[in-house]
């Protein structure tokens, strides 16, 4: 079941705060972002890093991990610009953290 209350309360709050229908639309958009989990960090949902859901099998998770880590591993970008290397290091760290969190959750 999808959430709906973020849209509802966002619409009401936006309309009341801005006292204009455009405020309701703005509140509706913010509420939709809340309902769709756009505002959540990947720390709360490590499956989002891999583009998977919690129902994914271990083989799917391993495949997605290997695909992403081979793409963003800092050693593959050794000759690239320093900013690109730094971004790859951050992304690889996020991938490894998400993979470790998933494996820890599934182990226990």
PDB file of N, CA and C in Angstrom:
ATOM      1  N   UNK A   1       0.842  -1.179   0.000  1.00  0.00           N
ATOM      2  CA  UNK A   1       0.000   0.000   0.000  1.00  0.00           C
ATOM      3  C   UNK A   1       0.887   1.242   0.000  1.00  0.00           C
ATOM      4  N   UNK A   2       0.573   2.155  -0.842  1.00  0.00           N
ATOM      5  CA  UNK A   2       1.371   3.369  -0.912  1.00  0.00           C
ATOM      6  C   UNK A   2       0.866   4.384   0.107  1.00  0.00           C
ATOM      7  N   UNK A   3       1.775   5.220   0.538  1.00  0.00           N
ATOM      8  CA  UNK A   3       1.393   6.247   1.503  1.00  0.00           C
ATOM      9  C   UNK A   3       0.711   7.400   0.785  1.00  0.00           C
ATOM     10  N   UNK A   4      -0.182   8.052   1.464  1.00  0.00           N
ATOM     11  CA  UNK A   4      -0.941   9.160   0.888  1.00  0.00           C
ATOM     12  C   UNK A   4      -0.941  10.383   1.785  1.00  0.00           C
ATOM     13  N   UNK A   5      -0.660  10.209   3.042  1.00  0.00           N
ATOM     14  CA  UNK A   5      -0.842  11.292   4.013  1.00  0.00           C
ATOM     15  C   UNK A   5       0.135  12.441   3.814  1.00  0.00           C
ATOM     16  N   UNK A   6       1.293  12.185   3.238  1.00  0.00           N
ATOM     17  CA  UNK A   6       2.226  13.276   2.973  1.00  0.00           C
ATOM     18  C   UNK A   6       1.660  14.259   1.963  1.00  0.00           C
ATOM     19  N   UNK A   7       1.028  13.716   0.924  1.00  0.00           N
ATOM     20  CA  UNK A   7       0.404  14.571  -0.093  1.00  0.00           C
ATOM     21  C   UNK A   7      -0.736  15.382   0.520  1.00  0.00           C
ATOM     22  N   UNK A   8      -1.566  14.715   1.312  1.00  0.00           N
ATOM     23  CA  UNK A   8      -2.733  15.360   1.916  1.00  0.00           C
ATOM     24  C   UNK A   8      -2.312  16.497   2.845  1.00  0.00           C
ATOM     25  N   UNK A   9      -1.449  16.171   3.804  1.00  0.00           N
ATOM     26  CA  UNK A   9      -1.035  17.185   4.767  1.00  0.00           C
ATOM     27  C   UNK A   9      -0.169  18.262   4.124  1.00  0.00           C
ATOM     28  N   UNK A  10       0.626  17.886   3.135  1.00  0.00           N
ATOM     29  CA  UNK A  10       1.420  18.871   2.414  1.00  0.00           C
ATOM     30  C   UNK A  10       0.535  19.864   1.682  1.00  0.00           C
ATOM     31  N   UNK A  11      -0.524  19.360   1.047  1.00  0.00           N
ATOM     32  CA  UNK A  11      -1.454  20.234   0.333  1.00  0.00           C
ATOM     33  C   UNK A  11      -2.128  21.218   1.282  1.00  0.00           C
ATOM     34  N   UNK A  12      -2.638  20.699   2.400  1.00  0.00           N
ATOM     35  CA  UNK A  12      -3.328  21.544   3.380  1.00  0.00           C
ATOM     36  C   UNK A  12      -2.360  22.579   3.968  1.00  0.00           C
ATOM     37  N   UNK A  13      -1.182  22.129   4.384  1.00  0.00           N
ATOM     38  CA  UNK A  13      -0.219  23.042   5.003  1.00  0.00           C
ATOM     39  C   UNK A  13       0.254  24.101   4.008  1.00  0.00           C
ATOM     40  N   UNK A  14       0.519  23.696   2.779  1.00  0.00           N
ATOM     41  CA  UNK A  14       0.962  24.657   1.774  1.00  0.00           C
ATOM     42  C   UNK A  14      -0.094  25.707   1.481  1.00  0.00           C
ATOM     43  N   UNK A  15      -1.344  25.272   1.365  1.00  0.00           N
ATOM     44  CA  UNK A  15      -2.429  26.209   1.082  1.00  0.00           C
ATOM     45  C   UNK A  15      -2.599  27.199   2.242  1.00  0.00           C
ATOM     46  N   UNK A  16      -2.567  26.677   3.474  1.00  0.00           N
ATOM     47  CA  UNK A  16      -2.764  27.535   4.635  1.00  0.00           C
ATOM     48  C   UNK A  16      -1.581  28.479   4.875  1.00  0.00           C
ATOM     49  N   UNK A  17      -0.376  27.996   4.659  1.00  0.00           N
ATOM     50  CA  UNK A  17       0.780  28.845   4.910  1.00  0.00           C
ATOM     51  C   UNK A  17       0.933  29.952   3.867  1.00  0.00           C
ATOM     52  N   UNK A  18       0.698  29.626   2.623  1.00  0.00           N
ATOM     53  CA  UNK A  18       0.868  30.626   1.571  1.00  0.00           C
ATOM     54  C   UNK A  18      -0.446  31.317   1.197  1.00  0.00           C
ATOM     55  N   UNK A  19      -1.550  30.782   1.682  1.00  0.00           N
ATOM     56  CA  UNK A  19      -2.877  31.356   1.434  1.00  0.00           C
ATOM     57  C   UNK A  19      -3.140  31.575  -0.056  1.00  0.00           C
ATOM     58  N   UNK A  20      -2.748  30.573  -0.825  1.00  0.00           N
ATOM     59  CA  UNK A  20      -2.924  30.646  -2.266  1.00  0.00           C
ATOM     60  C   UNK A  20      -2.941  29.210  -2.813  1.00  0.00           C
ATOM     61  N   UNK A  21      -3.691  28.959  -3.871  1.00  0.00           N
ATOM     62  CA  UNK A  21      -3.712  27.594  -4.441  1.00  0.00           C
ATOM     63  C   UNK A  21      -2.328  27.094  -4.858  1.00  0.00           C
ATOM     64  N   UNK A  22      -1.452  28.005  -5.267  1.00  0.00           N
ATOM     65  CA  UNK A  22      -0.096  27.586  -5.633  1.00  0.00           C
ATOM     66  C   UNK A  22       0.639  27.009  -4.419  1.00  0.00           C
ATOM     67  N   UNK A  23       0.319  27.496  -3.237  1.00  0.00           N
ATOM     68  CA  UNK A  23       0.906  26.936  -2.017  1.00  0.00           C
ATOM     69  C   UNK A  23       0.468  25.501  -1.815  1.00  0.00           C
ATOM     70  N   UNK A  24      -0.792  25.236  -2.154  1.00  0.00           N
ATOM     71  CA  UNK A  24      -1.284  23.864  -2.066  1.00  0.00           C
ATOM     72  C   UNK A  24      -0.547  22.947  -3.020  1.00  0.00           C
ATOM     73  N   UNK A  25      -0.270  23.442  -4.221  1.00  0.00           N
ATOM     74  CA  UNK A  25       0.466  22.650  -5.206  1.00  0.00           C
ATOM     75  C   UNK A  25       1.897  22.390  -4.733  1.00  0.00           C
ATOM     76  N   UNK A  26       2.528  23.413  -4.187  1.00  0.00           N
ATOM     77  CA  UNK A  26       3.881  23.254  -3.658  1.00  0.00           C
ATOM     78  C   UNK A  26       3.898  22.250  -2.504  1.00  0.00           C
ATOM     79  N   UNK A  27       2.921  22.362  -1.605  1.00  0.00           N
ATOM     80  CA  UNK A  27       2.816  21.415  -0.502  1.00  0.00           C
ATOM     81  C   UNK A  27       2.551  20.005  -0.995  1.00  0.00           C
ATOM     82  N   UNK A  28       1.753  19.872  -2.054  1.00  0.00           N
ATOM     83  CA  UNK A  28       1.465  18.568  -2.642  1.00  0.00           C
ATOM     84  C   UNK A  28       2.738  17.937  -3.200  1.00  0.00           C
ATOM     85  N   UNK A  29       3.571  18.728  -3.857  1.00  0.00           N
ATOM     86  CA  UNK A  29       4.827  18.207  -4.391  1.00  0.00           C
ATOM     87  C   UNK A  29       5.779  17.768  -3.281  1.00  0.00           C
ATOM     88  N   UNK A  30       5.855  18.563  -2.232  1.00  0.00           N
ATOM     89  CA  UNK A  30       6.708  18.190  -1.101  1.00  0.00           C
ATOM     90  C   UNK A  30       6.162  16.939  -0.415  1.00  0.00           C
ATOM     91  N   UNK A  31       4.840  16.864  -0.289  1.00  0.00           N
ATOM     92  CA  UNK A  31       4.229  15.674   0.291  1.00  0.00           C
ATOM     93  C   UNK A  31       4.478  14.435  -0.543  1.00  0.00           C
ATOM     94  N   UNK A  32       4.451  14.587  -1.866  1.00  0.00           N
ATOM     95  CA  UNK A  32       4.735  13.447  -2.740  1.00  0.00           C
ATOM     96  C   UNK A  32       6.179  12.985  -2.551  1.00  0.00           C
ATOM     97  N   UNK A  33       7.101  13.923  -2.438  1.00  0.00           N
ATOM     98  CA  UNK A  33       8.500  13.564  -2.202  1.00  0.00           C
ATOM     99  C   UNK A  33       8.633  12.796  -0.892  1.00  0.00           C
ATOM    100  N   UNK A  34       7.884  13.197   0.109  1.00  0.00           N
ATOM    101  CA  UNK A  34       7.895  12.479   1.393  1.00  0.00           C
ATOM    102  C   UNK A  34       7.335  11.074   1.227  1.00  0.00           C
ATOM    103  N   UNK A  35       6.195  10.961   0.546  1.00  0.00           N
ATOM    104  CA  UNK A  35       5.565   9.650   0.368  1.00  0.00           C
ATOM    105  C   UNK A  35       6.418   8.706  -0.474  1.00  0.00           C
ATOM    106  N   UNK A  36       7.138   9.241  -1.441  1.00  0.00           N
ATOM    107  CA  UNK A  36       7.951   8.413  -2.324  1.00  0.00           C
ATOM    108  C   UNK A  36       9.340   8.126  -1.765  1.00  0.00           C
ATOM    109  N   UNK A  37       9.612   8.573  -0.538  1.00  0.00           N
ATOM    110  CA  UNK A  37      10.900   8.357   0.132  1.00  0.00           C
ATOM    111  C   UNK A  37      12.060   9.024  -0.592  1.00  0.00           C
ATOM    112  N   UNK A  38      11.806  10.124  -1.275  1.00  0.00           N
ATOM    113  CA  UNK A  38      12.884  10.865  -1.916  1.00  0.00           C
ATOM    114  C   UNK A  38      13.737  11.567  -0.876  1.00  0.00           C
ATOM    115  N   UNK A  39      13.185  11.828   0.282  1.00  0.00           N
ATOM    116  CA  UNK A  39      13.892  12.588   1.307  1.00  0.00           C
ATOM    117  C   UNK A  39      14.690  11.706   2.250  1.00  0.00           C
ATOM    118  N   UNK A  40      14.537  10.413   2.106  1.00  0.00           N
ATOM    119  CA  UNK A  40      15.286   9.497   2.955  1.00  0.00           C
ATOM    120  C   UNK A  40      16.681   9.308   2.424  1.00  0.00           C
ATOM    121  N   UNK A  41      17.604   9.144   3.322  1.00  0.00           N
ATOM    122  CA  UNK A  41      18.975   8.899   2.889  1.00  0.00           C
ATOM    123  C   UNK A  41      19.157   7.417   2.586  1.00  0.00           C
ATOM    124  N   UNK A  42      20.204   7.089   1.867  1.00  0.00           N
ATOM    125  CA  UNK A  42      20.481   5.693   1.554  1.00  0.00           C
ATOM    126  C   UNK A  42      20.921   4.936   2.800  1.00  0.00           C
ATOM    127  N   UNK A  43      21.281   5.660   3.844  1.00  0.00           N
ATOM    128  CA  UNK A  43      21.671   5.009   5.084  1.00  0.00           C
ATOM    129  C   UNK A  43      20.487   4.256   5.679  1.00  0.00           C
ATOM    130  N   UNK A  44      19.279   4.781   5.508  1.00  0.00           N
ATOM    131  CA  UNK A  44      18.099   4.118   6.028  1.00  0.00           C
ATOM    132  C   UNK A  44      17.661   2.974   5.122  1.00  0.00           C
ATOM    133  N   UNK A  45      17.919   3.080   3.824  1.00  0.00           N
ATOM    134  CA  UNK A  45      17.520   2.059   2.876  1.00  0.00           C
ATOM    135  C   UNK A  45      18.715   1.706   1.988  1.00  0.00           C
ATOM    136  N   UNK A  46      19.533   0.749   2.430  1.00  0.00           N
ATOM    137  CA  UNK A  46      20.734   0.432   1.648  1.00  0.00           C
ATOM    138  C   UNK A  46      20.429  -0.209   0.299  1.00  0.00           C
ATOM    139  N   UNK A  47      19.238  -0.761   0.124  1.00  0.00           N
ATOM    140  CA  UNK A  47      18.878  -1.380  -1.156  1.00  0.00           C
ATOM    141  C   UNK A  47      18.765  -0.335  -2.268  1.00  0.00           C
ATOM    142  N   UNK A  48      18.485   0.897  -1.898  1.00  0.00           N
ATOM    143  CA  UNK A  48      18.333   1.962  -2.888  1.00  0.00           C
ATOM    144  C   UNK A  48      19.640   2.213  -3.645  1.00  0.00           C
ATOM    145  N   UNK A  49      20.777   2.006  -3.001  1.00  0.00           N
ATOM    146  CA  UNK A  49      22.067   2.204  -3.658  1.00  0.00           C
ATOM    147  C   UNK A  49      22.192   1.282  -4.868  1.00  0.00           C
ATOM    148  N   UNK A  50      21.666   0.066  -4.742  1.00  0.00           N
ATOM    149  CA  UNK A  50      21.769  -0.921  -5.807  1.00  0.00           C
ATOM    150  C   UNK A  50      20.573  -0.907  -6.750  1.00  0.00           C
ATOM    151  N   UNK A  51      19.582  -0.082  -6.441  1.00  0.00           N
ATOM    152  CA  UNK A  51      18.390  -0.041  -7.278  1.00  0.00           C
ATOM    153  C   UNK A  51      17.525  -1.269  -7.097  1.00  0.00           C
ATOM    154  N   UNK A  52      17.567  -1.867  -5.919  1.00  0.00           N
ATOM    155  CA  UNK A  52      16.812  -3.082  -5.630  1.00  0.00           C
ATOM    156  C   UNK A  52      15.826  -2.837  -4.499  1.00  0.00           C
ATOM    157  N   UNK A  53      14.984  -3.820  -4.258  1.00  0.00           N
ATOM    158  CA  UNK A  53      14.072  -3.773  -3.126  1.00  0.00           C
ATOM    159  C   UNK A  53      14.543  -4.761  -2.063  1.00  0.00           C
ATOM    160  N   UNK A  54      13.905  -4.724  -0.916  1.00  0.00           N
ATOM    161  CA  UNK A  54      14.291  -5.618   0.181  1.00  0.00           C
ATOM    162  C   UNK A  54      13.987  -7.082  -0.147  1.00  0.00           C
ATOM    163  N   UNK A  55      13.161  -7.324  -1.147  1.00  0.00           N
ATOM    164  CA  UNK A  55      12.807  -8.696  -1.531  1.00  0.00           C
ATOM    165  C   UNK A  55      13.819  -9.311  -2.489  1.00  0.00           C
ATOM    166  N   UNK A  56      14.855  -8.587  -2.860  1.00  0.00           N
ATOM    167  CA  UNK A  56      15.854  -9.087  -3.806  1.00  0.00           C
ATOM    168  C   UNK A  56      16.606 -10.264  -3.200  1.00  0.00           C
ATOM    169  N   UNK A  57      16.987 -11.198  -4.062  1.00  0.00           N
ATOM    170  CA  UNK A  57      17.721 -12.367  -3.590  1.00  0.00           C
ATOM    171  C   UNK A  57      19.183 -12.001  -3.344  1.00  0.00           C
ATOM    172  N   UNK A  58      19.878 -12.884  -2.646  1.00  0.00           N
ATOM    173  CA  UNK A  58      21.297 -12.649  -2.376  1.00  0.00           C
ATOM    174  C   UNK A  58      22.102 -12.591  -3.666  1.00  0.00           C
ATOM    175  N   UNK A  59      21.731 -13.418  -4.644  1.00  0.00           N
ATOM    176  CA  UNK A  59      22.443 -13.422  -5.928  1.00  0.00           C
ATOM    177  C   UNK A  59      22.254 -12.092  -6.656  1.00  0.00           C
ATOM    178  N   UNK A  60      21.057 -11.536  -6.608  1.00  0.00           N
ATOM    179  CA  UNK A  60      20.813 -10.238  -7.247  1.00  0.00           C
ATOM    180  C   UNK A  60      21.610  -9.131  -6.569  1.00  0.00           C
ATOM    181  N   UNK A  61      21.686  -9.188  -5.249  1.00  0.00           N
ATOM    182  CA  UNK A  61      22.445  -8.186  -4.500  1.00  0.00           C
ATOM    183  C   UNK A  61      23.922  -8.288  -4.830  1.00  0.00           C
ATOM    184  N   UNK A  62      24.447  -9.520  -4.857  1.00  0.00           N
ATOM    185  CA  UNK A  62      25.856  -9.705  -5.191  1.00  0.00           C
ATOM    186  C   UNK A  62      26.173  -9.232  -6.601  1.00  0.00           C
ATOM    187  N   UNK A  63      25.288  -9.516  -7.536  1.00  0.00           N
ATOM    188  CA  UNK A  63      25.494  -9.090  -8.918  1.00  0.00           C
ATOM    189  C   UNK A  63      25.483  -7.568  -9.038  1.00  0.00           C
ATOM    190  N   UNK A  64      24.524  -6.924  -8.377  1.00  0.00           N
ATOM    191  CA  UNK A  64      24.446  -5.463  -8.414  1.00  0.00           C
ATOM    192  C   UNK A  64      25.669  -4.851  -7.735  1.00  0.00           C
ATOM    193  N   UNK A  65      26.128  -5.455  -6.645  1.00  0.00           N
ATOM    194  CA  UNK A  65      27.315  -4.954  -5.951  1.00  0.00           C
ATOM    195  C   UNK A  65      28.533  -5.038  -6.861  1.00  0.00           C
ATOM    196  N   UNK A  66      28.749  -6.198  -7.476  1.00  0.00           N
ATOM    197  CA  UNK A  66      29.913  -6.363  -8.337  1.00  0.00           C
ATOM    198  C   UNK A  66      29.878  -5.404  -9.529  1.00  0.00           C
ATOM    199  N   UNK A  67      28.698  -5.211 -10.099  1.00  0.00           N
ATOM    200  CA  UNK A  67      28.555  -4.319 -11.246  1.00  0.00           C
ATOM    201  C   UNK A  67      28.897  -2.882 -10.851  1.00  0.00           C
ATOM    202  N   UNK A  68      28.340  -2.417  -9.726  1.00  0.00           N
ATOM    203  CA  UNK A  68      28.582  -1.035  -9.309  1.00  0.00           C
ATOM    204  C   UNK A  68      30.006  -0.797  -8.827  1.00  0.00           C
ATOM    205  N   UNK A  69      30.546  -1.740  -8.070  1.00  0.00           N
ATOM    206  CA  UNK A  69      31.881  -1.521  -7.529  1.00  0.00           C
ATOM    207  C   UNK A  69      32.919  -1.574  -8.641  1.00  0.00           C
ATOM    208  N   UNK A  70      32.672  -2.375  -9.680  1.00  0.00           N
ATOM    209  CA  UNK A  70      33.617  -2.394 -10.803  1.00  0.00           C
ATOM    210  C   UNK A  70      33.532  -1.087 -11.593  1.00  0.00           C
ATOM    211  N   UNK A  71      32.386  -0.470 -11.575  1.00  0.00           N
ATOM    212  CA  UNK A  71      32.200   0.788 -12.294  1.00  0.00           C
ATOM    213  C   UNK A  71      32.807   1.971 -11.536  1.00  0.00           C
ATOM    214  N   UNK A  72      32.679   1.981 -10.212  1.00  0.00           N
ATOM    215  CA  UNK A  72      33.092   3.139  -9.417  1.00  0.00           C
ATOM    216  C   UNK A  72      34.357   2.919  -8.596  1.00  0.00           C
ATOM    217  N   UNK A  73      35.041   1.811  -8.773  1.00  0.00           N
ATOM    218  CA  UNK A  73      36.235   1.563  -7.971  1.00  0.00           C
ATOM    219  C   UNK A  73      37.298   2.615  -8.298  1.00  0.00           C
ATOM    220  N   UNK A  74      37.878   3.235  -7.274  1.00  0.00           N
ATOM    221  CA  UNK A  74      38.850   4.315  -7.508  1.00  0.00           C
ATOM    222  C   UNK A  74      40.072   3.883  -8.319  1.00  0.00           C
ATOM    223  N   UNK A  75      40.465   2.629  -8.232  1.00  0.00           N
ATOM    224  CA  UNK A  75      41.628   2.171  -8.988  1.00  0.00           C
ATOM    225  C   UNK A  75      41.373   2.168 -10.493  1.00  0.00           C
ATOM    226  N   UNK A  76      40.129   2.028 -10.900  1.00  0.00           N
ATOM    227  CA  UNK A  76      39.802   2.059 -12.331  1.00  0.00           C
ATOM    228  C   UNK A  76      39.930   3.467 -12.894  1.00  0.00           C
ATOM    229  N   UNK A  77      39.867   4.465 -12.025  1.00  0.00           N
ATOM    230  CA  UNK A  77      39.934   5.860 -12.462  1.00  0.00           C
ATOM    231  C   UNK A  77      41.253   6.511 -12.046  1.00  0.00           C
ATOM    232  N   UNK A  78      42.317   5.730 -12.034  1.00  0.00           N
ATOM    233  CA  UNK A  78      43.602   6.233 -11.547  1.00  0.00           C
ATOM    234  C   UNK A  78      44.130   7.387 -12.398  1.00  0.00           C
ATOM    235  N   UNK A  79      43.879   7.396 -13.692  1.00  0.00           N
ATOM    236  CA  UNK A  79      44.393   8.450 -14.548  1.00  0.00           C
ATOM    237  C   UNK A  79      43.436   9.603 -14.759  1.00  0.00           C
ATOM    238  N   UNK A  80      42.301   9.562 -14.093  1.00  0.00           N
ATOM    239  CA  UNK A  80      41.272  10.592 -14.287  1.00  0.00           C
ATOM    240  C   UNK A  80      41.583  11.831 -13.440  1.00  0.00           C
ATOM    241  N   UNK A  81      40.760  12.848 -13.608  1.00  0.00           N
ATOM    242  CA  UNK A  81      40.917  14.085 -12.836  1.00  0.00           C
ATOM    243  C   UNK A  81      40.723  13.805 -11.347  1.00  0.00           C
ATOM    244  N   UNK A  82      41.334  14.612 -10.520  1.00  0.00           N
ATOM    245  CA  UNK A  82      41.273  14.375  -9.070  1.00  0.00           C
ATOM    246  C   UNK A  82      39.847  14.491  -8.548  1.00  0.00           C
ATOM    247  N   UNK A  83      39.050  15.409  -9.085  1.00  0.00           N
ATOM    248  CA  UNK A  83      37.660  15.552  -8.632  1.00  0.00           C
ATOM    249  C   UNK A  83      36.859  14.294  -8.958  1.00  0.00           C
ATOM    250  N   UNK A  84      37.100  13.723 -10.128  1.00  0.00           N
ATOM    251  CA  UNK A  84      36.415  12.497 -10.521  1.00  0.00           C
ATOM    252  C   UNK A  84      36.843  11.330  -9.633  1.00  0.00           C
ATOM    253  N   UNK A  85      38.124  11.277  -9.298  1.00  0.00           N
ATOM    254  CA  UNK A  85      38.603  10.240  -8.383  1.00  0.00           C
ATOM    255  C   UNK A  85      37.967  10.380  -7.007  1.00  0.00           C
ATOM    256  N   UNK A  86      37.837  11.606  -6.537  1.00  0.00           N
ATOM    257  CA  UNK A  86      37.242  11.848  -5.224  1.00  0.00           C
ATOM    258  C   UNK A  86      35.766  11.422  -5.217  1.00  0.00           C
ATOM    259  N   UNK A  87      35.055  11.736  -6.282  1.00  0.00           N
ATOM    260  CA  UNK A  87      33.647  11.324  -6.386  1.00  0.00           C
ATOM    261  C   UNK A  87      33.528   9.810  -6.431  1.00  0.00           C
ATOM    262  N   UNK A  88      34.442   9.159  -7.143  1.00  0.00           N
ATOM    263  CA  UNK A  88      34.421   7.695  -7.222  1.00  0.00           C
ATOM    264  C   UNK A  88      34.699   7.070  -5.859  1.00  0.00           C
ATOM    265  N   UNK A  89      35.612   7.670  -5.094  1.00  0.00           N
ATOM    266  CA  UNK A  89      35.900   7.158  -3.754  1.00  0.00           C
ATOM    267  C   UNK A  89      34.679   7.255  -2.848  1.00  0.00           C
ATOM    268  N   UNK A  90      33.978   8.372  -2.920  1.00  0.00           N
ATOM    269  CA  UNK A  90      32.772   8.554  -2.101  1.00  0.00           C
ATOM    270  C   UNK A  90      31.707   7.548  -2.513  1.00  0.00           C
ATOM    271  N   UNK A  91      31.500   7.384  -3.814  1.00  0.00           N
ATOM    272  CA  UNK A  91      30.488   6.452  -4.308  1.00  0.00           C
ATOM    273  C   UNK A  91      30.853   5.016  -3.936  1.00  0.00           C
ATOM    274  N   UNK A  92      32.122   4.639  -4.074  1.00  0.00           N
ATOM    275  CA  UNK A  92      32.565   3.292  -3.706  1.00  0.00           C
ATOM    276  C   UNK A  92      32.379   3.061  -2.209  1.00  0.00           C
ATOM    277  N   UNK A  93      32.642   4.087  -1.407  1.00  0.00           N
ATOM    278  CA  UNK A  93      32.434   3.966   0.040  1.00  0.00           C
ATOM    279  C   UNK A  93      30.954   3.746   0.352  1.00  0.00           C
ATOM    280  N   UNK A  94      30.076   4.473  -0.338  1.00  0.00           N
ATOM    281  CA  UNK A  94      28.630   4.290  -0.147  1.00  0.00           C
ATOM    282  C   UNK A  94      28.189   2.888  -0.558  1.00  0.00           C
ATOM    283  N   UNK A  95      28.733   2.398  -1.663  1.00  0.00           N
ATOM    284  CA  UNK A  95      28.383   1.059  -2.149  1.00  0.00           C
ATOM    285  C   UNK A  95      28.817   0.007  -1.138  1.00  0.00           C
ATOM    286  N   UNK A  96      30.047   0.117  -0.649  1.00  0.00           N
ATOM    287  CA  UNK A  96      30.545  -0.852   0.329  1.00  0.00           C
ATOM    288  C   UNK A  96      29.761  -0.798   1.632  1.00  0.00           C
ATOM    289  N   UNK A  97      29.420   0.403   2.081  1.00  0.00           N
ATOM    290  CA  UNK A  97      28.648   0.550   3.315  1.00  0.00           C
ATOM    291  C   UNK A  97      27.263  -0.077   3.160  1.00  0.00           C
ATOM    292  N   UNK A  98      26.624   0.187   2.040  1.00  0.00           N
ATOM    293  CA  UNK A  98      25.289  -0.386   1.805  1.00  0.00           C
ATOM    294  C   UNK A  98      25.358  -1.907   1.728  1.00  0.00           C
ATOM    295  N   UNK A  99      26.380  -2.436   1.064  1.00  0.00           N
ATOM    296  CA  UNK A  99      26.525  -3.889   0.943  1.00  0.00           C
ATOM    297  C   UNK A  99      26.750  -4.521   2.309  1.00  0.00           C
ATOM    298  N   UNK A 100      27.598  -3.900   3.115  1.00  0.00           N
ATOM    299  CA  UNK A 100      27.844  -4.415   4.468  1.00  0.00           C
ATOM    300  C   UNK A 100      26.581  -4.377   5.315  1.00  0.00           C
ATOM    301  N   UNK A 101      25.811  -3.299   5.200  1.00  0.00           N
ATOM    302  CA  UNK A 101      24.571  -3.200   5.979  1.00  0.00           C
ATOM    303  C   UNK A 101      23.571  -4.277   5.577  1.00  0.00           C
ATOM    304  N   UNK A 102      23.443  -4.526   4.275  1.00  0.00           N
ATOM    305  CA  UNK A 102      22.521  -5.561   3.808  1.00  0.00           C
ATOM    306  C   UNK A 102      22.961  -6.928   4.301  1.00  0.00           C
ATOM    307  N   UNK A 103      24.233  -7.237   4.188  1.00  0.00           N
ATOM    308  CA  UNK A 103      24.742  -8.540   4.630  1.00  0.00           C
ATOM    309  C   UNK A 103      24.568  -8.711   6.135  1.00  0.00           C
ATOM    310  N   UNK A 104      24.772  -7.647   6.894  1.00  0.00           N
ATOM    311  CA  UNK A 104      24.582  -7.714   8.342  1.00  0.00           C
ATOM    312  C   UNK A 104      23.116  -7.951   8.695  1.00  0.00           C
ATOM    313  N   UNK A 105      22.216  -7.245   8.001  1.00  0.00           N
ATOM    314  CA  UNK A 105      20.790  -7.431   8.257  1.00  0.00           C
ATOM    315  C   UNK A 105      20.340  -8.846   7.946  1.00  0.00           C
ATOM    316  N   UNK A 106      20.831  -9.390   6.853  1.00  0.00           N
ATOM    317  CA  UNK A 106      20.389 -10.720   6.419  1.00  0.00           C
ATOM    318  C   UNK A 106      21.029 -11.835   7.245  1.00  0.00           C
ATOM    319  N   UNK A 107      22.165 -11.562   7.841  1.00  0.00           N
ATOM    320  CA  UNK A 107      22.820 -12.568   8.663  1.00  0.00           C
ATOM    321  C   UNK A 107      22.082 -12.783   9.971  1.00  0.00           C
ATOM    322  N   UNK A 108      21.579 -11.674  10.546  1.00  0.00           N
ATOM    323  CA  UNK A 108      20.967 -11.733  11.870  1.00  0.00           C
ATOM    324  C   UNK A 108      19.537 -12.015  11.923  1.00  0.00           C
TER     325      UNK A 108
END
